[in-house]
Amino acid sequence: MCLAIPGEIVEIDDGVATVRIAGSIRKASLLLLPEEPKPGDYVIVHAGFALHVVDPEEAMESLRLIHELASFADEELA
């Protein structure tokens, strides 16, 4: 299963964003976006590509749900 995760852009260099995802720093290509976002924007990242810009509240809610799902999985494995 694949999962696209929201992250906050902290820096952009030559079409590649440095993105903070749940405390981790990753690189994501901006090649697939119609317009280049700016630092502070949230993007949905999948397989090293930013797929689209999302509203910060939507990004936070998605991250909350992902963390909740992970905690349920942890309980099942315990």
N, C-alpha and C. Protein backbone atom coordinates (compact mmCIF):
# COMPACT_ATOMS: atom_id res chain seq x y z
N MET A 1 0.84 -1.17 0.00
CA MET A 1 0.00 0.00 0.00
C MET A 1 0.89 1.23 0.00
N CYS A 2 0.49 2.25 -0.75
CA CYS A 2 1.21 3.51 -0.81
C CYS A 2 0.42 4.57 -0.08
N LEU A 3 1.15 5.52 0.47
CA LEU A 3 0.51 6.57 1.24
C LEU A 3 1.15 7.90 0.88
N ALA A 4 0.34 8.88 0.53
CA ALA A 4 0.82 10.24 0.29
C ALA A 4 0.63 11.01 1.59
N ILE A 5 1.65 11.74 2.00
CA ILE A 5 1.66 12.38 3.32
C ILE A 5 1.87 13.88 3.16
N PRO A 6 1.13 14.69 3.93
CA PRO A 6 1.36 16.14 3.87
C PRO A 6 2.63 16.54 4.61
N GLY A 7 3.30 17.54 4.06
CA GLY A 7 4.49 18.07 4.69
C GLY A 7 4.60 19.56 4.42
N GLU A 8 5.34 20.25 5.29
CA GLU A 8 5.53 21.69 5.16
C GLU A 8 6.85 21.97 4.43
N ILE A 9 6.78 22.82 3.43
CA ILE A 9 7.99 23.21 2.70
C ILE A 9 8.79 24.17 3.57
N VAL A 10 10.05 23.83 3.79
CA VAL A 10 10.92 24.71 4.58
C VAL A 10 11.93 25.44 3.69
N GLU A 11 12.17 24.91 2.50
CA GLU A 11 13.13 25.54 1.60
C GLU A 11 12.91 25.01 0.20
N ILE A 12 13.21 25.84 -0.80
CA ILE A 12 13.11 25.41 -2.19
C ILE A 12 14.42 25.77 -2.88
N ASP A 13 14.97 24.79 -3.61
CA ASP A 13 16.20 25.00 -4.34
C ASP A 13 16.10 24.33 -5.70
N ASP A 14 16.01 25.13 -6.74
CA ASP A 14 16.02 24.64 -8.12
C ASP A 14 14.97 23.55 -8.37
N GLY A 15 13.73 23.81 -7.96
CA GLY A 15 12.64 22.88 -8.23
C GLY A 15 12.53 21.70 -7.30
N VAL A 16 13.35 21.69 -6.24
CA VAL A 16 13.30 20.62 -5.25
C VAL A 16 13.04 21.26 -3.88
N ALA A 17 12.02 20.79 -3.21
CA ALA A 17 11.66 21.33 -1.90
C ALA A 17 12.24 20.46 -0.79
N THR A 18 12.70 21.12 0.25
CA THR A 18 13.00 20.45 1.50
C THR A 18 11.71 20.52 2.30
N VAL A 19 11.19 19.35 2.68
CA VAL A 19 9.87 19.26 3.30
C VAL A 19 9.98 18.61 4.67
N ARG A 20 9.32 19.22 5.66
CA ARG A 20 9.26 18.64 7.00
C ARG A 20 7.97 17.83 7.11
N ILE A 21 8.15 16.53 7.34
CA ILE A 21 7.02 15.61 7.46
C ILE A 21 7.11 14.95 8.82
N ALA A 22 6.20 15.32 9.71
CA ALA A 22 6.14 14.74 11.06
C ALA A 22 7.51 14.74 11.74
N GLY A 23 8.21 15.85 11.63
CA GLY A 23 9.50 15.98 12.30
C GLY A 23 10.70 15.50 11.49
N SER A 24 10.47 14.81 10.40
CA SER A 24 11.56 14.35 9.52
C SER A 24 11.71 15.31 8.35
N ILE A 25 12.92 15.41 7.84
CA ILE A 25 13.19 16.26 6.68
C ILE A 25 13.40 15.37 5.47
N ARG A 26 12.69 15.69 4.39
CA ARG A 26 12.78 14.92 3.15
C ARG A 26 12.90 15.89 1.98
N LYS A 27 13.31 15.38 0.85
CA LYS A 27 13.34 16.15 -0.40
C LYS A 27 12.17 15.71 -1.26
N ALA A 28 11.57 16.67 -1.97
CA ALA A 28 10.46 16.36 -2.86
C ALA A 28 10.56 17.23 -4.11
N SER A 29 10.47 16.60 -5.25
CA SER A 29 10.48 17.32 -6.51
C SER A 29 9.17 18.10 -6.66
N LEU A 30 9.27 19.31 -7.19
CA LEU A 30 8.10 20.13 -7.46
C LEU A 30 7.68 20.06 -8.92
N LEU A 31 8.29 19.16 -9.67
CA LEU A 31 8.08 19.02 -11.10
C LEU A 31 6.61 18.83 -11.50
N LEU A 32 5.83 18.15 -10.66
CA LEU A 32 4.44 17.83 -11.03
C LEU A 32 3.44 18.92 -10.66
N LEU A 33 3.88 19.97 -9.99
CA LEU A 33 2.97 21.05 -9.59
C LEU A 33 2.84 22.08 -10.71
N PRO A 34 1.62 22.59 -10.95
CA PRO A 34 1.45 23.59 -12.01
C PRO A 34 2.14 24.91 -11.69
N GLU A 35 2.21 25.27 -10.41
CA GLU A 35 2.89 26.49 -9.98
C GLU A 35 3.79 26.15 -8.80
N GLU A 36 4.95 26.80 -8.74
CA GLU A 36 5.86 26.52 -7.64
C GLU A 36 5.33 27.12 -6.34
N PRO A 37 5.21 26.31 -5.29
CA PRO A 37 4.75 26.82 -4.00
C PRO A 37 5.87 27.62 -3.34
N LYS A 38 5.60 28.13 -2.15
CA LYS A 38 6.59 28.89 -1.41
C LYS A 38 6.84 28.24 -0.06
N PRO A 39 7.98 28.55 0.57
CA PRO A 39 8.22 28.02 1.92
C PRO A 39 7.05 28.38 2.84
N GLY A 40 6.67 27.41 3.67
CA GLY A 40 5.52 27.57 4.55
C GLY A 40 4.27 26.90 4.02
N ASP A 41 4.23 26.65 2.70
CA ASP A 41 3.09 25.94 2.12
C ASP A 41 3.18 24.46 2.49
N TYR A 42 2.02 23.81 2.51
CA TYR A 42 1.95 22.37 2.74
C TYR A 42 1.65 21.69 1.42
N VAL A 43 2.34 20.59 1.17
CA VAL A 43 2.12 19.81 -0.04
C VAL A 43 1.91 18.34 0.33
N ILE A 44 1.20 17.64 -0.52
CA ILE A 44 1.06 16.20 -0.39
C ILE A 44 2.23 15.56 -1.13
N VAL A 45 3.00 14.72 -0.42
CA VAL A 45 4.20 14.11 -0.99
C VAL A 45 3.99 12.61 -1.13
N HIS A 46 4.36 12.10 -2.31
CA HIS A 46 4.29 10.66 -2.57
C HIS A 46 5.46 10.29 -3.46
N ALA A 47 6.24 9.32 -3.04
CA ALA A 47 7.35 8.78 -3.82
C ALA A 47 8.32 9.87 -4.28
N GLY A 48 8.56 10.85 -3.41
CA GLY A 48 9.53 11.89 -3.72
C GLY A 48 9.03 13.03 -4.57
N PHE A 49 7.72 13.07 -4.82
CA PHE A 49 7.13 14.15 -5.61
C PHE A 49 6.03 14.85 -4.82
N ALA A 50 6.01 16.17 -4.87
CA ALA A 50 4.89 16.93 -4.34
C ALA A 50 3.77 16.84 -5.37
N LEU A 51 2.59 16.38 -4.94
CA LEU A 51 1.49 16.17 -5.88
C LEU A 51 0.56 17.37 -5.98
N HIS A 52 0.30 18.02 -4.84
CA HIS A 52 -0.50 19.24 -4.85
C HIS A 52 -0.35 19.98 -3.53
N VAL A 53 -0.65 21.27 -3.57
CA VAL A 53 -0.61 22.12 -2.39
C VAL A 53 -1.92 21.94 -1.64
N VAL A 54 -1.84 21.84 -0.30
CA VAL A 54 -3.05 21.69 0.52
C VAL A 54 -3.11 22.78 1.58
N ASP A 55 -4.30 23.01 2.04
CA ASP A 55 -4.56 23.95 3.12
C ASP A 55 -3.88 23.45 4.40
N PRO A 56 -3.25 24.33 5.19
CA PRO A 56 -2.57 23.89 6.42
C PRO A 56 -3.48 23.12 7.39
N GLU A 57 -4.73 23.53 7.52
CA GLU A 57 -5.65 22.82 8.42
C GLU A 57 -5.94 21.41 7.92
N GLU A 58 -6.09 21.27 6.60
CA GLU A 58 -6.30 19.95 6.01
C GLU A 58 -5.08 19.06 6.23
N ALA A 59 -3.89 19.66 6.08
CA ALA A 59 -2.65 18.90 6.30
C ALA A 59 -2.56 18.42 7.74
N MET A 60 -2.87 19.29 8.70
CA MET A 60 -2.81 18.92 10.12
C MET A 60 -3.82 17.81 10.45
N GLU A 61 -5.00 17.91 9.88
CA GLU A 61 -6.02 16.88 10.13
C GLU A 61 -5.59 15.55 9.53
N SER A 62 -5.01 15.57 8.34
CA SER A 62 -4.52 14.33 7.73
C SER A 62 -3.42 13.70 8.58
N LEU A 63 -2.49 14.52 9.07
CA LEU A 63 -1.42 13.99 9.93
C LEU A 63 -1.98 13.43 11.23
N ARG A 64 -2.98 14.10 11.79
CA ARG A 64 -3.61 13.61 13.02
C ARG A 64 -4.22 12.23 12.78
N LEU A 65 -4.91 12.07 11.67
CA LEU A 65 -5.55 10.79 11.36
C LEU A 65 -4.52 9.69 11.09
N ILE A 66 -3.42 10.04 10.44
CA ILE A 66 -2.36 9.06 10.19
C ILE A 66 -1.76 8.60 11.52
N HIS A 67 -1.51 9.55 12.44
CA HIS A 67 -0.96 9.18 13.75
C HIS A 67 -1.95 8.31 14.53
N GLU A 68 -3.23 8.64 14.44
CA GLU A 68 -4.26 7.84 15.12
C GLU A 68 -4.30 6.42 14.56
N LEU A 69 -4.24 6.30 13.26
CA LEU A 69 -4.23 4.98 12.62
C LEU A 69 -3.00 4.18 13.05
N ALA A 70 -1.85 4.84 13.10
CA ALA A 70 -0.62 4.16 13.54
C ALA A 70 -0.73 3.69 14.99
N SER A 71 -1.36 4.49 15.85
CA SER A 71 -1.50 4.07 17.24
C SER A 71 -2.41 2.85 17.36
N PHE A 72 -3.45 2.77 16.53
CA PHE A 72 -4.32 1.59 16.54
C PHE A 72 -3.53 0.36 16.10
N ALA A 73 -2.69 0.52 15.10
CA ALA A 73 -1.87 -0.60 14.62
C ALA A 73 -0.91 -1.05 15.71
N ASP A 74 -0.30 -0.08 16.43
CA ASP A 74 0.60 -0.42 17.52
C ASP A 74 -0.12 -1.21 18.62
N GLU A 75 -1.35 -0.83 18.92
CA GLU A 75 -2.13 -1.55 19.94
C GLU A 75 -2.43 -2.97 19.51
N GLU A 76 -2.72 -3.16 18.22
CA GLU A 76 -3.02 -4.49 17.70
C GLU A 76 -1.80 -5.41 17.77
N LEU A 77 -0.62 -4.85 17.58
CA LEU A 77 0.61 -5.64 17.60
C LEU A 77 1.10 -5.93 19.01
N ALA A 78 0.64 -5.16 19.97
CA ALA A 78 1.11 -5.33 21.36
C ALA A 78 0.45 -6.51 22.04
